[in-house]
Amino acid sequence: MHRNNFAYWSIKQLILVDNKVAISSYFLNFTEKKGGMA
């Protein structure tokens, strides 16, 4: 049971990190298209 909870938490954390990376790269691409202005 505890092992399953840990695996679930790990997957959840990976998804959160993946979403943050995707959002960050999206904003970086968006600012680059606007000429580097934030």
N, C-alpha and C. Protein backbone atom coordinates (compact mmCIF):
# COMPACT_ATOMS: atom_id res chain seq x y z
N MET A 1 0.84 -1.20 0.00
CA MET A 1 0.00 0.00 0.00
C MET A 1 0.88 1.26 0.00
N HIS A 2 1.82 1.29 0.93
CA HIS A 2 2.70 2.46 1.02
C HIS A 2 3.52 2.63 -0.25
N ARG A 3 3.97 1.51 -0.81
CA ARG A 3 4.77 1.55 -2.02
C ARG A 3 3.94 2.12 -3.18
N ASN A 4 2.66 1.73 -3.25
CA ASN A 4 1.80 2.25 -4.30
C ASN A 4 1.58 3.75 -4.14
N ASN A 5 1.41 4.20 -2.89
CA ASN A 5 1.23 5.63 -2.64
C ASN A 5 2.46 6.41 -3.08
N PHE A 6 3.64 5.86 -2.80
CA PHE A 6 4.89 6.53 -3.19
C PHE A 6 5.00 6.61 -4.71
N ALA A 7 4.65 5.54 -5.40
CA ALA A 7 4.70 5.53 -6.86
C ALA A 7 3.71 6.55 -7.42
N TYR A 8 2.53 6.62 -6.84
CA TYR A 8 1.53 7.58 -7.27
C TYR A 8 2.03 9.00 -7.07
N TRP A 9 2.63 9.26 -5.91
CA TRP A 9 3.17 10.60 -5.62
C TRP A 9 4.29 10.96 -6.58
N SER A 10 5.16 9.99 -6.87
CA SER A 10 6.28 10.23 -7.78
C SER A 10 5.77 10.60 -9.17
N ILE A 11 4.79 9.84 -9.65
CA ILE A 11 4.22 10.11 -10.97
C ILE A 11 3.57 11.49 -10.97
N LYS A 12 2.86 11.82 -9.90
CA LYS A 12 2.20 13.12 -9.78
C LYS A 12 3.23 14.24 -9.84
N GLN A 13 4.35 14.07 -9.13
CA GLN A 13 5.41 15.08 -9.14
C GLN A 13 6.02 15.21 -10.53
N LEU A 14 6.23 14.08 -11.21
CA LEU A 14 6.80 14.12 -12.55
C LEU A 14 5.89 14.88 -13.50
N ILE A 15 4.58 14.66 -13.39
CA ILE A 15 3.62 15.36 -14.24
C ILE A 15 3.67 16.86 -13.95
N LEU A 16 3.74 17.22 -12.67
CA LEU A 16 3.81 18.63 -12.30
C LEU A 16 5.06 19.29 -12.88
N VAL A 17 6.20 18.62 -12.76
CA VAL A 17 7.45 19.16 -13.30
C VAL A 17 7.35 19.28 -14.81
N ASP A 18 6.80 18.25 -15.46
CA ASP A 18 6.66 18.25 -16.90
C ASP A 18 5.78 19.41 -17.35
N ASN A 19 4.70 19.67 -16.63
CA ASN A 19 3.83 20.79 -16.97
C ASN A 19 4.55 22.12 -16.81
N LYS A 20 5.34 22.26 -15.76
CA LYS A 20 6.10 23.50 -15.54
C LYS A 20 7.09 23.72 -16.67
N VAL A 21 7.78 22.66 -17.09
CA VAL A 21 8.75 22.77 -18.18
C VAL A 21 8.03 23.16 -19.47
N ALA A 22 6.88 22.53 -19.74
CA ALA A 22 6.12 22.82 -20.95
C ALA A 22 5.66 24.27 -20.96
N ILE A 23 5.15 24.75 -19.81
CA ILE A 23 4.70 26.13 -19.71
C ILE A 23 5.88 27.09 -19.88
N SER A 24 7.00 26.78 -19.26
CA SER A 24 8.18 27.64 -19.36
C SER A 24 8.66 27.73 -20.80
N SER A 25 8.76 26.61 -21.49
CA SER A 25 9.22 26.62 -22.88
C SER A 25 8.22 27.34 -23.77
N TYR A 26 6.93 27.21 -23.46
CA TYR A 26 5.90 27.92 -24.23
C TYR A 26 6.09 29.42 -24.11
N PHE A 27 6.30 29.91 -22.88
CA PHE A 27 6.49 31.35 -22.68
C PHE A 27 7.80 31.82 -23.31
N LEU A 28 8.85 30.99 -23.25
CA LEU A 28 10.11 31.36 -23.88
C LEU A 28 9.94 31.50 -25.39
N ASN A 29 9.26 30.56 -26.01
CA ASN A 29 9.00 30.63 -27.45
C ASN A 29 8.16 31.85 -27.78
N PHE A 30 7.17 32.14 -26.94
CA PHE A 30 6.28 33.27 -27.16
C PHE A 30 7.05 34.59 -27.10
N THR A 31 7.93 34.73 -26.10
CA THR A 31 8.69 35.97 -25.96
C THR A 31 9.71 36.10 -27.09
N GLU A 32 10.28 34.99 -27.54
CA GLU A 32 11.23 35.05 -28.65
C GLU A 32 10.55 35.55 -29.93
N LYS A 33 9.33 35.11 -30.16
CA LYS A 33 8.60 35.53 -31.34
C LYS A 33 8.28 37.03 -31.29
N LYS A 34 8.11 37.56 -30.07
CA LYS A 34 7.81 38.99 -29.91
C LYS A 34 9.08 39.83 -29.94
N GLY A 35 10.23 39.21 -30.18
CA GLY A 35 11.47 39.96 -30.28
C GLY A 35 12.24 40.00 -28.97
N GLY A 36 12.00 39.04 -28.09
CA GLY A 36 12.73 38.95 -26.85
C GLY A 36 12.17 39.83 -25.75
N MET A 37 11.07 40.51 -25.98
CA MET A 37 10.46 41.35 -24.95
C MET A 37 9.57 40.49 -24.06
N ALA A 38 9.76 40.61 -22.73
CA ALA A 38 8.97 39.81 -21.80
C ALA A 38 7.57 40.40 -21.68
